[in-house]
């Protein structure tokens, strides 16, 4: 695990511990001055490269990113990812098996 760079540390410091008050993407964009792509990319690096337990809630009005602190929060963060994997797997299977017209 590499050391966090300044951007990664800055974003990590903006994330609340626990899912009670997750920080929305729009708020992270305002606080950092970055694009949504840059914020999401940095969050991805924090998770994948630095093994930071960052989750997201997608339920309005309490949506946003947070640092996972317990197993309940982990389950909440994993549910939409697992669902997305299943949908994408099904889509890939259909495309793979589709009959092609000459």
N, C-alpha and C. Protein backbone atom coordinates (compact mmCIF):
# COMPACT_ATOMS: atom_id res chain seq x y z
N UNK A 1 0.84 -1.18 0.00
CA UNK A 1 0.00 0.00 0.00
C UNK A 1 0.89 1.25 0.00
N UNK A 2 0.69 2.08 -1.02
CA UNK A 2 1.48 3.30 -1.15
C UNK A 2 0.99 4.37 -0.17
N UNK A 3 1.85 5.35 0.08
CA UNK A 3 1.48 6.48 0.92
C UNK A 3 0.51 7.37 0.14
N UNK A 4 -0.45 7.95 0.83
CA UNK A 4 -1.42 8.84 0.18
C UNK A 4 -0.73 10.11 -0.29
N UNK A 5 -1.12 10.57 -1.50
CA UNK A 5 -0.61 11.87 -1.93
C UNK A 5 -1.50 12.96 -1.32
N UNK A 6 -1.15 14.22 -1.56
CA UNK A 6 -1.88 15.33 -0.92
C UNK A 6 -3.35 15.36 -1.32
N UNK A 7 -3.63 15.10 -2.58
CA UNK A 7 -5.04 15.10 -3.04
C UNK A 7 -5.83 13.99 -2.37
N UNK A 8 -5.25 12.81 -2.32
CA UNK A 8 -5.94 11.68 -1.70
C UNK A 8 -6.20 11.95 -0.23
N UNK A 9 -5.20 12.47 0.46
CA UNK A 9 -5.37 12.77 1.88
C UNK A 9 -6.42 13.85 2.10
N UNK A 10 -6.41 14.86 1.24
CA UNK A 10 -7.40 15.95 1.35
C UNK A 10 -8.81 15.41 1.22
N UNK A 11 -9.03 14.56 0.22
CA UNK A 11 -10.37 14.01 0.03
C UNK A 11 -10.75 13.08 1.17
N UNK A 12 -9.83 12.24 1.60
CA UNK A 12 -10.11 11.33 2.71
C UNK A 12 -10.51 12.12 3.96
N UNK A 13 -9.84 13.23 4.20
CA UNK A 13 -10.15 14.06 5.37
C UNK A 13 -11.55 14.68 5.29
N UNK A 14 -12.11 14.79 4.10
CA UNK A 14 -13.45 15.37 3.93
C UNK A 14 -14.57 14.35 4.13
N UNK A 15 -14.22 13.07 4.19
CA UNK A 15 -15.24 12.03 4.32
C UNK A 15 -15.57 11.77 5.78
N UNK A 16 -16.87 11.77 6.10
CA UNK A 16 -17.27 11.50 7.48
C UNK A 16 -17.11 10.03 7.84
N UNK A 17 -16.87 9.77 9.11
CA UNK A 17 -16.83 8.39 9.60
C UNK A 17 -18.28 7.97 9.87
N UNK A 18 -18.68 6.86 9.29
CA UNK A 18 -20.03 6.37 9.46
C UNK A 18 -20.97 6.90 8.40
N UNK A 19 -22.09 6.20 8.22
CA UNK A 19 -23.01 6.51 7.13
C UNK A 19 -24.19 7.40 7.55
N UNK A 20 -24.17 7.89 8.78
CA UNK A 20 -25.30 8.71 9.23
C UNK A 20 -25.44 10.01 8.44
N UNK A 21 -24.30 10.62 8.11
CA UNK A 21 -24.31 11.86 7.34
C UNK A 21 -23.26 11.78 6.21
N UNK A 22 -23.54 10.97 5.20
CA UNK A 22 -22.57 10.84 4.12
C UNK A 22 -22.41 12.17 3.38
N UNK A 23 -21.27 12.38 2.79
CA UNK A 23 -21.00 13.64 2.07
C UNK A 23 -21.29 13.43 0.59
N UNK A 24 -22.27 14.18 0.05
CA UNK A 24 -22.65 14.03 -1.36
C UNK A 24 -21.52 14.43 -2.32
N UNK A 25 -21.54 13.85 -3.50
CA UNK A 25 -20.56 14.15 -4.53
C UNK A 25 -20.53 15.65 -4.83
N UNK A 26 -21.71 16.27 -4.96
CA UNK A 26 -21.77 17.70 -5.26
C UNK A 26 -21.05 18.53 -4.20
N UNK A 27 -21.18 18.12 -2.96
CA UNK A 27 -20.50 18.84 -1.88
C UNK A 27 -18.98 18.64 -1.96
N UNK A 28 -18.56 17.43 -2.28
CA UNK A 28 -17.12 17.17 -2.43
C UNK A 28 -16.54 17.98 -3.59
N UNK A 29 -17.32 18.14 -4.66
CA UNK A 29 -16.89 18.94 -5.80
C UNK A 29 -16.71 20.40 -5.37
N UNK A 30 -17.68 20.92 -4.62
CA UNK A 30 -17.59 22.30 -4.15
C UNK A 30 -16.40 22.50 -3.21
N UNK A 31 -16.20 21.58 -2.29
CA UNK A 31 -15.14 21.72 -1.30
C UNK A 31 -13.74 21.60 -1.90
N UNK A 32 -13.60 20.77 -2.94
CA UNK A 32 -12.28 20.56 -3.53
C UNK A 32 -12.03 21.46 -4.74
N UNK A 33 -13.10 21.84 -5.42
CA UNK A 33 -12.95 22.58 -6.67
C UNK A 33 -12.62 21.68 -7.84
N UNK A 34 -12.76 20.37 -7.65
CA UNK A 34 -12.44 19.39 -8.68
C UNK A 34 -13.68 19.04 -9.49
N UNK A 35 -13.45 18.35 -10.61
CA UNK A 35 -14.57 17.82 -11.40
C UNK A 35 -15.11 16.56 -10.72
N UNK A 36 -16.31 16.16 -11.11
CA UNK A 36 -16.87 14.93 -10.53
C UNK A 36 -16.01 13.73 -10.90
N UNK A 37 -15.47 13.74 -12.11
CA UNK A 37 -14.61 12.63 -12.55
C UNK A 37 -13.36 12.53 -11.67
N UNK A 38 -12.78 13.67 -11.33
CA UNK A 38 -11.57 13.69 -10.49
C UNK A 38 -11.87 13.21 -9.08
N UNK A 39 -13.01 13.64 -8.53
CA UNK A 39 -13.40 13.20 -7.19
C UNK A 39 -13.62 11.69 -7.18
N UNK A 40 -14.40 11.20 -8.14
CA UNK A 40 -14.69 9.76 -8.20
C UNK A 40 -13.41 8.95 -8.44
N UNK A 41 -12.53 9.46 -9.29
CA UNK A 41 -11.26 8.77 -9.55
C UNK A 41 -10.39 8.69 -8.31
N UNK A 42 -10.37 9.79 -7.54
CA UNK A 42 -9.58 9.80 -6.30
C UNK A 42 -10.18 8.84 -5.28
N UNK A 43 -11.50 8.79 -5.19
CA UNK A 43 -12.15 7.84 -4.28
C UNK A 43 -11.81 6.42 -4.71
N UNK A 44 -11.83 6.15 -5.99
CA UNK A 44 -11.48 4.82 -6.49
C UNK A 44 -10.05 4.45 -6.10
N UNK A 45 -9.11 5.39 -6.26
CA UNK A 45 -7.72 5.12 -5.87
C UNK A 45 -7.61 4.86 -4.37
N UNK A 46 -8.35 5.64 -3.58
CA UNK A 46 -8.31 5.44 -2.13
C UNK A 46 -8.77 4.03 -1.76
N UNK A 47 -9.78 3.55 -2.46
CA UNK A 47 -10.31 2.21 -2.17
C UNK A 47 -9.38 1.12 -2.72
N UNK A 48 -9.06 1.20 -3.99
CA UNK A 48 -8.35 0.11 -4.67
C UNK A 48 -6.86 0.09 -4.35
N UNK A 49 -6.21 1.23 -4.39
CA UNK A 49 -4.76 1.25 -4.16
C UNK A 49 -4.39 1.34 -2.68
N UNK A 50 -5.20 2.06 -1.91
CA UNK A 50 -4.84 2.32 -0.52
C UNK A 50 -5.70 1.56 0.49
N UNK A 51 -6.63 0.76 -0.01
CA UNK A 51 -7.46 -0.11 0.83
C UNK A 51 -8.24 0.64 1.89
N UNK A 52 -8.69 1.84 1.54
CA UNK A 52 -9.51 2.62 2.48
C UNK A 52 -10.95 2.13 2.39
N UNK A 53 -11.61 1.90 3.53
CA UNK A 53 -12.98 1.37 3.52
C UNK A 53 -14.00 2.49 3.29
N UNK A 54 -14.11 2.92 2.04
CA UNK A 54 -15.04 4.01 1.69
C UNK A 54 -16.27 3.41 1.05
N UNK A 55 -17.42 3.82 1.55
CA UNK A 55 -18.68 3.34 1.01
C UNK A 55 -19.48 4.51 0.49
N UNK A 56 -20.60 4.17 -0.16
CA UNK A 56 -21.50 5.19 -0.67
C UNK A 56 -22.93 4.76 -0.44
N UNK A 57 -23.77 5.75 -0.15
CA UNK A 57 -25.21 5.53 -0.06
C UNK A 57 -25.84 6.23 -1.24
N UNK A 58 -26.84 5.59 -1.83
CA UNK A 58 -27.49 6.14 -3.01
C UNK A 58 -28.95 6.48 -2.75
N UNK A 59 -29.35 6.51 -1.48
CA UNK A 59 -30.74 6.78 -1.12
C UNK A 59 -30.91 8.27 -0.81
N UNK A 60 -31.85 8.89 -1.51
CA UNK A 60 -32.12 10.30 -1.24
C UNK A 60 -32.98 10.41 0.01
N UNK A 61 -32.84 11.40 0.85
CA UNK A 61 -31.95 12.55 0.69
C UNK A 61 -30.58 12.33 1.33
N UNK A 62 -30.35 11.15 1.88
CA UNK A 62 -29.14 10.89 2.66
C UNK A 62 -28.10 10.13 1.84
N UNK A 63 -27.75 10.67 0.66
CA UNK A 63 -26.80 9.97 -0.20
C UNK A 63 -25.42 10.62 -0.10
N UNK A 64 -24.40 9.85 -0.44
CA UNK A 64 -23.05 10.39 -0.43
C UNK A 64 -22.03 9.35 -0.01
N UNK A 65 -20.80 9.81 0.16
CA UNK A 65 -19.67 8.95 0.52
C UNK A 65 -19.37 9.04 2.01
N UNK A 66 -18.85 7.95 2.55
CA UNK A 66 -18.51 7.89 3.96
C UNK A 66 -17.44 6.83 4.20
N UNK A 67 -16.81 6.90 5.36
CA UNK A 67 -15.84 5.88 5.75
C UNK A 67 -16.59 4.80 6.53
N UNK A 68 -16.48 3.59 6.07
CA UNK A 68 -17.17 2.45 6.69
C UNK A 68 -16.54 2.17 8.05
N UNK A 69 -17.41 2.05 9.08
CA UNK A 69 -16.90 1.82 10.43
C UNK A 69 -17.38 0.51 11.06
N UNK A 70 -18.36 -0.17 10.42
CA UNK A 70 -18.85 -1.42 11.00
C UNK A 70 -19.44 -2.31 9.89
N UNK A 71 -19.83 -3.51 10.26
CA UNK A 71 -20.32 -4.48 9.27
C UNK A 71 -21.64 -4.06 8.65
N UNK A 72 -22.51 -3.39 9.39
CA UNK A 72 -23.78 -2.92 8.82
C UNK A 72 -23.51 -1.92 7.70
N UNK A 73 -22.58 -1.00 7.93
CA UNK A 73 -22.23 -0.02 6.91
C UNK A 73 -21.57 -0.70 5.72
N UNK A 74 -20.76 -1.69 5.99
CA UNK A 74 -20.12 -2.46 4.90
C UNK A 74 -21.19 -3.10 4.03
N UNK A 75 -22.19 -3.72 4.64
CA UNK A 75 -23.28 -4.35 3.89
C UNK A 75 -24.05 -3.34 3.06
N UNK A 76 -24.31 -2.18 3.65
CA UNK A 76 -25.03 -1.12 2.94
C UNK A 76 -24.23 -0.67 1.72
N UNK A 77 -22.93 -0.55 1.87
CA UNK A 77 -22.07 -0.11 0.77
C UNK A 77 -21.93 -1.19 -0.30
N UNK A 78 -21.92 -2.45 0.09
CA UNK A 78 -21.73 -3.54 -0.86
C UNK A 78 -23.00 -3.87 -1.66
N UNK A 79 -24.18 -3.63 -1.11
CA UNK A 79 -25.43 -4.01 -1.78
C UNK A 79 -25.57 -3.45 -3.19
N UNK A 80 -25.40 -2.14 -3.40
CA UNK A 80 -25.55 -1.64 -4.78
C UNK A 80 -24.43 -2.13 -5.71
N UNK A 81 -23.24 -2.34 -5.18
CA UNK A 81 -22.15 -2.85 -6.00
C UNK A 81 -22.45 -4.27 -6.47
N UNK A 82 -22.93 -5.09 -5.57
CA UNK A 82 -23.28 -6.47 -5.90
C UNK A 82 -24.40 -6.51 -6.93
N UNK A 83 -25.39 -5.65 -6.76
CA UNK A 83 -26.50 -5.57 -7.71
C UNK A 83 -26.00 -5.16 -9.09
N UNK A 84 -25.13 -4.16 -9.13
CA UNK A 84 -24.58 -3.69 -10.40
C UNK A 84 -23.78 -4.79 -11.10
N UNK A 85 -23.02 -5.54 -10.33
CA UNK A 85 -22.24 -6.65 -10.90
C UNK A 85 -23.18 -7.66 -11.55
N UNK A 86 -24.27 -7.99 -10.88
CA UNK A 86 -25.22 -8.97 -11.41
C UNK A 86 -25.85 -8.47 -12.71
N UNK A 87 -26.25 -7.20 -12.74
CA UNK A 87 -26.86 -6.62 -13.94
C UNK A 87 -25.86 -6.62 -15.09
N UNK A 88 -24.63 -6.23 -14.83
CA UNK A 88 -23.62 -6.18 -15.88
C UNK A 88 -23.24 -7.58 -16.37
N UNK A 89 -23.21 -8.55 -15.47
CA UNK A 89 -22.92 -9.93 -15.85
C UNK A 89 -24.01 -10.45 -16.78
N UNK A 90 -25.26 -10.19 -16.44
CA UNK A 90 -26.39 -10.61 -17.28
C UNK A 90 -26.30 -9.96 -18.65
N UNK A 91 -25.99 -8.67 -18.67
CA UNK A 91 -25.87 -7.95 -19.94
C UNK A 91 -24.74 -8.55 -20.80
N UNK A 92 -23.61 -8.84 -20.18
CA UNK A 92 -22.48 -9.43 -20.91
C UNK A 92 -22.85 -10.80 -21.47
N UNK A 93 -23.61 -11.60 -20.68
CA UNK A 93 -24.02 -12.92 -21.15
C UNK A 93 -24.93 -12.81 -22.36
N UNK A 94 -25.87 -11.88 -22.31
CA UNK A 94 -26.81 -11.70 -23.42
C UNK A 94 -26.06 -11.28 -24.68
N UNK A 95 -25.14 -10.32 -24.55
CA UNK A 95 -24.37 -9.87 -25.71
C UNK A 95 -23.52 -11.00 -26.24
N UNK A 96 -22.91 -11.75 -25.35
CA UNK A 96 -22.05 -12.86 -25.75
C UNK A 96 -22.83 -13.92 -26.52
N UNK A 97 -24.06 -14.17 -26.12
CA UNK A 97 -24.87 -15.24 -26.71
C UNK A 97 -25.80 -14.76 -27.82
N UNK A 98 -25.81 -13.45 -28.09
CA UNK A 98 -26.72 -12.91 -29.10
C UNK A 98 -26.35 -13.45 -30.49
N UNK A 99 -27.39 -13.77 -31.26
CA UNK A 99 -27.15 -14.21 -32.62
C UNK A 99 -26.88 -12.97 -33.47
N UNK A 100 -25.82 -13.05 -34.23
CA UNK A 100 -25.42 -11.93 -35.06
C UNK A 100 -26.02 -12.06 -36.44
N UNK A 101 -26.48 -10.96 -36.98
CA UNK A 101 -27.05 -10.96 -38.33
C UNK A 101 -25.91 -10.68 -39.31
N UNK A 102 -25.88 -11.50 -40.38
CA UNK A 102 -24.79 -11.32 -41.35
C UNK A 102 -24.92 -10.00 -42.13
